[in-house]
Each structure stands twice: as structure tokens, then as C-alpha cells.
Amino acid sequence: MNSNLETFIPLAFQRRGVLQMDGTDVVAHNTTFLAALARAFYWRGLLDTDAMKSGSEIASKEGLTYAVVNASLRLTLLAPDIINQLMRGTQPRRINLRWFLRHNFPADWQAQRELIANFK
């Protein structure tokens, strides 16, 4: 019996782009990053509830490599205020999913804030 895990994330996004708000503030929502963040928190929930035993098990059910899943799971370690910046689209423009997946970032929230401040 072939049992596949199907991931449904109840989110709606618009195409990636830049929105002009109040005539001055430019807000850029990185929908790819937000979708990856939502998926990572979903996977974290599967692990926390013992629905899945490891990132490797999630990877095999999702048809991904364990490295992709485990790197994505690290996104759940981001400080809440950094996640809020991403949700509002007010993060520094150079912050993107590729950077977070390819670089180690500290688990300490204050160190993360300092790292993000260097992107500005």
C-alpha cells in the first residue's frame, strides 16, 4: 500500500510583487518565503504531535530530500518579530528564502535581530 502525505496549507497569496501603500512606504511580500515558512510550521506541528517521527519521514512522504525539509524546519526558529516583519512585508529587501536555506543563522533571537539589522 502506497501511503503518501499530502500537505494542504490554507493560505491565499497574491503574485510576488511590490505594493505601494500611503504613497511612500513600499511593501514587498515574498510569497515564496511565506509559503515555505507556513509549510515549515506545519511540518513542525507534525513532529510535535508525533504524527511524523523525523524530517526524513516527512521528506519521503512529501517526495523531497531530507536536507530540504530539515533546512526548512530551521525557519521555525526565527524570532517572532522577524516573522512579523516577513508577514507585513517590511523585512529588508535582501532577506530571502534562499539566504536562510543556504546559511546558518543563530537560534538566539537577539543575535538574529542583529543579523537582520546588518541587511539594512
C-alpha atoms as a PDB file:
ATOM      1  CA  MET A   1       0.000   0.000   0.000  1.00  0.00           C
ATOM      2  CA  ASN A   2       1.434   3.349  -1.035  1.00  0.00           C
ATOM      3  CA  SER A   3       0.510   5.995   1.504  1.00  0.00           C
ATOM      4  CA  ASN A   4       1.517   9.492   0.507  1.00  0.00           C
ATOM      5  CA  LEU A   5       1.324  12.503   2.736  1.00  0.00           C
ATOM      6  CA  GLU A   6      -0.486  15.426   1.185  1.00  0.00           C
ATOM      7  CA  THR A   7       0.228  18.868   2.563  1.00  0.00           C
ATOM      8  CA  PHE A   8      -2.565  21.428   2.496  1.00  0.00           C
ATOM      9  CA  ILE A   9      -1.763  24.901   3.723  1.00  0.00           C
ATOM     10  CA  PRO A  10      -4.891  27.078   3.920  1.00  0.00           C
ATOM     11  CA  LEU A  11      -3.287  30.335   2.825  1.00  0.00           C
ATOM     12  CA  ALA A  12      -4.027  32.631  -0.068  1.00  0.00           C
ATOM     13  CA  PHE A  13      -1.277  34.730  -1.619  1.00  0.00           C
ATOM     14  CA  GLN A  14      -1.066  37.123  -4.482  1.00  0.00           C
ATOM     15  CA  ARG A  15       1.686  37.028  -7.035  1.00  0.00           C
ATOM     16  CA  ARG A  16       5.035  38.283  -5.823  1.00  0.00           C
ATOM     17  CA  GLY A  17       5.322  41.989  -6.325  1.00  0.00           C
ATOM     18  CA  VAL A  18       5.550  45.366  -4.744  1.00  0.00           C
ATOM     19  CA  LEU A  19       2.560  47.213  -3.369  1.00  0.00           C
ATOM     20  CA  GLN A  20       2.518  50.959  -2.892  1.00  0.00           C
ATOM     21  CA  MET A  21       0.945  51.974   0.416  1.00  0.00           C
ATOM     22  CA  ASP A  22       0.308  55.544   1.609  1.00  0.00           C
ATOM     23  CA  GLY A  23       2.207  56.833  -1.403  1.00  0.00           C
ATOM     24  CA  THR A  24       5.562  56.459   0.379  1.00  0.00           C
ATOM     25  CA  ASP A  25       6.071  53.086   2.030  1.00  0.00           C
ATOM     26  CA  VAL A  26       6.902  50.244  -0.311  1.00  0.00           C
ATOM     27  CA  VAL A  27       5.894  46.848   0.990  1.00  0.00           C
ATOM     28  CA  ALA A  28       7.242  43.725  -0.688  1.00  0.00           C
ATOM     29  CA  HIS A  29       5.643  40.436   0.292  1.00  0.00           C
ATOM     30  CA  ASN A  30       7.827  37.481  -0.552  1.00  0.00           C
ATOM     31  CA  THR A  31       5.119  34.876  -1.039  1.00  0.00           C
ATOM     32  CA  THR A  32       7.640  32.112  -1.716  1.00  0.00           C
ATOM     33  CA  PHE A  33       9.242  32.721   1.664  1.00  0.00           C
ATOM     34  CA  LEU A  34       5.865  32.943   3.420  1.00  0.00           C
ATOM     35  CA  ALA A  35       4.687  29.676   1.867  1.00  0.00           C
ATOM     36  CA  ALA A  36       7.927  27.958   2.947  1.00  0.00           C
ATOM     37  CA  LEU A  37       7.509  29.371   6.444  1.00  0.00           C
ATOM     38  CA  ALA A  38       3.922  28.098   6.662  1.00  0.00           C
ATOM     39  CA  ARG A  39       4.998  24.674   5.407  1.00  0.00           C
ATOM     40  CA  ALA A  40       7.835  24.576   7.964  1.00  0.00           C
ATOM     41  CA  PHE A  41       5.443  25.326  10.835  1.00  0.00           C
ATOM     42  CA  TYR A  42       3.050  22.682   9.532  1.00  0.00           C
ATOM     43  CA  TRP A  43       5.873  20.148   9.482  1.00  0.00           C
ATOM     44  CA  ARG A  44       6.970  21.246  12.967  1.00  0.00           C
ATOM     45  CA  GLY A  45       3.407  20.522  14.129  1.00  0.00           C
ATOM     46  CA  LEU A  46       3.594  17.038  12.607  1.00  0.00           C
ATOM     47  CA  LEU A  47       6.790  16.388  14.552  1.00  0.00           C
ATOM     48  CA  ASP A  48       5.482  17.905  17.792  1.00  0.00           C
ATOM     49  CA  THR A  49       2.339  15.765  17.714  1.00  0.00           C
ATOM     50  CA  ASP A  50       4.294  12.613  16.745  1.00  0.00           C
ATOM     51  CA  ALA A  51       2.311  12.307  13.514  1.00  0.00           C
ATOM     52  CA  MET A  52       5.749  12.052  11.893  1.00  0.00           C
ATOM     53  CA  LYS A  53       8.889  10.828  13.600  1.00  0.00           C
ATOM     54  CA  SER A  54      11.538  12.837  11.724  1.00  0.00           C
ATOM     55  CA  GLY A  55      12.303  15.256   8.957  1.00  0.00           C
ATOM     56  CA  SER A  56      13.413  12.288   6.893  1.00  0.00           C
ATOM     57  CA  GLU A  57       9.991  10.677   7.224  1.00  0.00           C
ATOM     58  CA  ILE A  58       8.304  13.920   6.162  1.00  0.00           C
ATOM     59  CA  ALA A  59      10.685  14.159   3.217  1.00  0.00           C
ATOM     60  CA  SER A  60       9.890  10.668   1.991  1.00  0.00           C
ATOM     61  CA  LYS A  61       6.126  11.296   2.258  1.00  0.00           C
ATOM     62  CA  GLU A  62       6.407  14.692   0.521  1.00  0.00           C
ATOM     63  CA  GLY A  63       8.790  13.458  -2.188  1.00  0.00           C
ATOM     64  CA  LEU A  64      11.558  15.821  -1.082  1.00  0.00           C
ATOM     65  CA  THR A  65      15.092  15.322   0.160  1.00  0.00           C
ATOM     66  CA  TYR A  66      15.631  15.282   3.907  1.00  0.00           C
ATOM     67  CA  ALA A  67      18.083  18.181   3.544  1.00  0.00           C
ATOM     68  CA  VAL A  68      15.338  20.439   2.124  1.00  0.00           C
ATOM     69  CA  VAL A  69      12.897  19.511   4.876  1.00  0.00           C
ATOM     70  CA  ASN A  70      15.424  19.890   7.680  1.00  0.00           C
ATOM     71  CA  ALA A  71      16.688  23.224   6.321  1.00  0.00           C
ATOM     72  CA  SER A  72      13.094  24.437   6.065  1.00  0.00           C
ATOM     73  CA  LEU A  73      12.346  23.331   9.624  1.00  0.00           C
ATOM     74  CA  ARG A  74      15.060  25.715  10.836  1.00  0.00           C
ATOM     75  CA  LEU A  75      12.774  28.581   9.755  1.00  0.00           C
ATOM     76  CA  THR A  76      10.585  27.762  12.765  1.00  0.00           C
ATOM     77  CA  LEU A  77      13.442  29.012  14.955  1.00  0.00           C
ATOM     78  CA  LEU A  78      13.088  32.595  13.700  1.00  0.00           C
ATOM     79  CA  ALA A  79      12.233  35.252  16.267  1.00  0.00           C
ATOM     80  CA  PRO A  80       8.519  36.175  16.295  1.00  0.00           C
ATOM     81  CA  ASP A  81       9.224  39.811  15.414  1.00  0.00           C
ATOM     82  CA  ILE A  82      11.243  38.725  12.365  1.00  0.00           C
ATOM     83  CA  ILE A  83       8.350  36.515  11.266  1.00  0.00           C
ATOM     84  CA  ASN A  84       6.032  39.503  11.757  1.00  0.00           C
ATOM     85  CA  GLN A  85       8.300  41.598   9.517  1.00  0.00           C
ATOM     86  CA  LEU A  86       8.019  38.929   6.840  1.00  0.00           C
ATOM     87  CA  MET A  87       4.241  38.753   7.217  1.00  0.00           C
ATOM     88  CA  ARG A  88       3.940  42.546   6.912  1.00  0.00           C
ATOM     89  CA  GLY A  89       6.439  42.685   4.058  1.00  0.00           C
ATOM     90  CA  THR A  90       8.694  45.121   5.908  1.00  0.00           C
ATOM     91  CA  GLN A  91      11.807  42.938   6.004  1.00  0.00           C
ATOM     92  CA  PRO A  92      14.981  44.184   4.320  1.00  0.00           C
ATOM     93  CA  ARG A  93      14.776  43.541   0.578  1.00  0.00           C
ATOM     94  CA  ARG A  94      17.855  41.321   0.553  1.00  0.00           C
ATOM     95  CA  ILE A  95      16.282  38.868   3.004  1.00  0.00           C
ATOM     96  CA  ASN A  96      15.015  35.895   1.051  1.00  0.00           C
ATOM     97  CA  LEU A  97      14.329  32.209   1.425  1.00  0.00           C
ATOM     98  CA  ARG A  98      17.457  31.177  -0.456  1.00  0.00           C
ATOM     99  CA  TRP A  99      19.659  33.027   2.019  1.00  0.00           C
ATOM    100  CA  PHE A 100      18.046  31.340   5.028  1.00  0.00           C
ATOM    101  CA  LEU A 101      18.226  27.894   3.460  1.00  0.00           C
ATOM    102  CA  ARG A 102      21.894  28.232   2.470  1.00  0.00           C
ATOM    103  CA  HIS A 103      23.300  29.957   5.555  1.00  0.00           C
ATOM    104  CA  ASN A 104      23.334  29.083   9.197  1.00  0.00           C
ATOM    105  CA  PHE A 105      21.612  31.600  11.373  1.00  0.00           C
ATOM    106  CA  PRO A 106      21.742  31.730  15.156  1.00  0.00           C
ATOM    107  CA  ALA A 107      18.980  30.221  17.268  1.00  0.00           C
ATOM    108  CA  ASP A 108      19.313  33.125  19.702  1.00  0.00           C
ATOM    109  CA  TRP A 109      16.626  35.690  18.847  1.00  0.00           C
ATOM    110  CA  GLN A 110      18.711  38.732  19.746  1.00  0.00           C
ATOM    111  CA  ALA A 111      21.548  37.505  17.537  1.00  0.00           C
ATOM    112  CA  GLN A 112      19.002  37.017  14.733  1.00  0.00           C
ATOM    113  CA  ARG A 113      17.811  40.605  15.155  1.00  0.00           C
ATOM    114  CA  GLU A 114      21.380  41.852  14.919  1.00  0.00           C
ATOM    115  CA  LEU A 115      21.944  39.740  11.809  1.00  0.00           C
ATOM    116  CA  ILE A 116      18.793  41.143  10.160  1.00  0.00           C
ATOM    117  CA  ALA A 117      19.833  44.691  11.116  1.00  0.00           C
ATOM    118  CA  ASN A 118      23.036  44.187   9.097  1.00  0.00           C
ATOM    119  CA  PHE A 119      20.944  43.609   5.956  1.00  0.00           C
ATOM    120  CA  LYS A 120      19.569  47.157   6.006  1.00  0.00           C
END
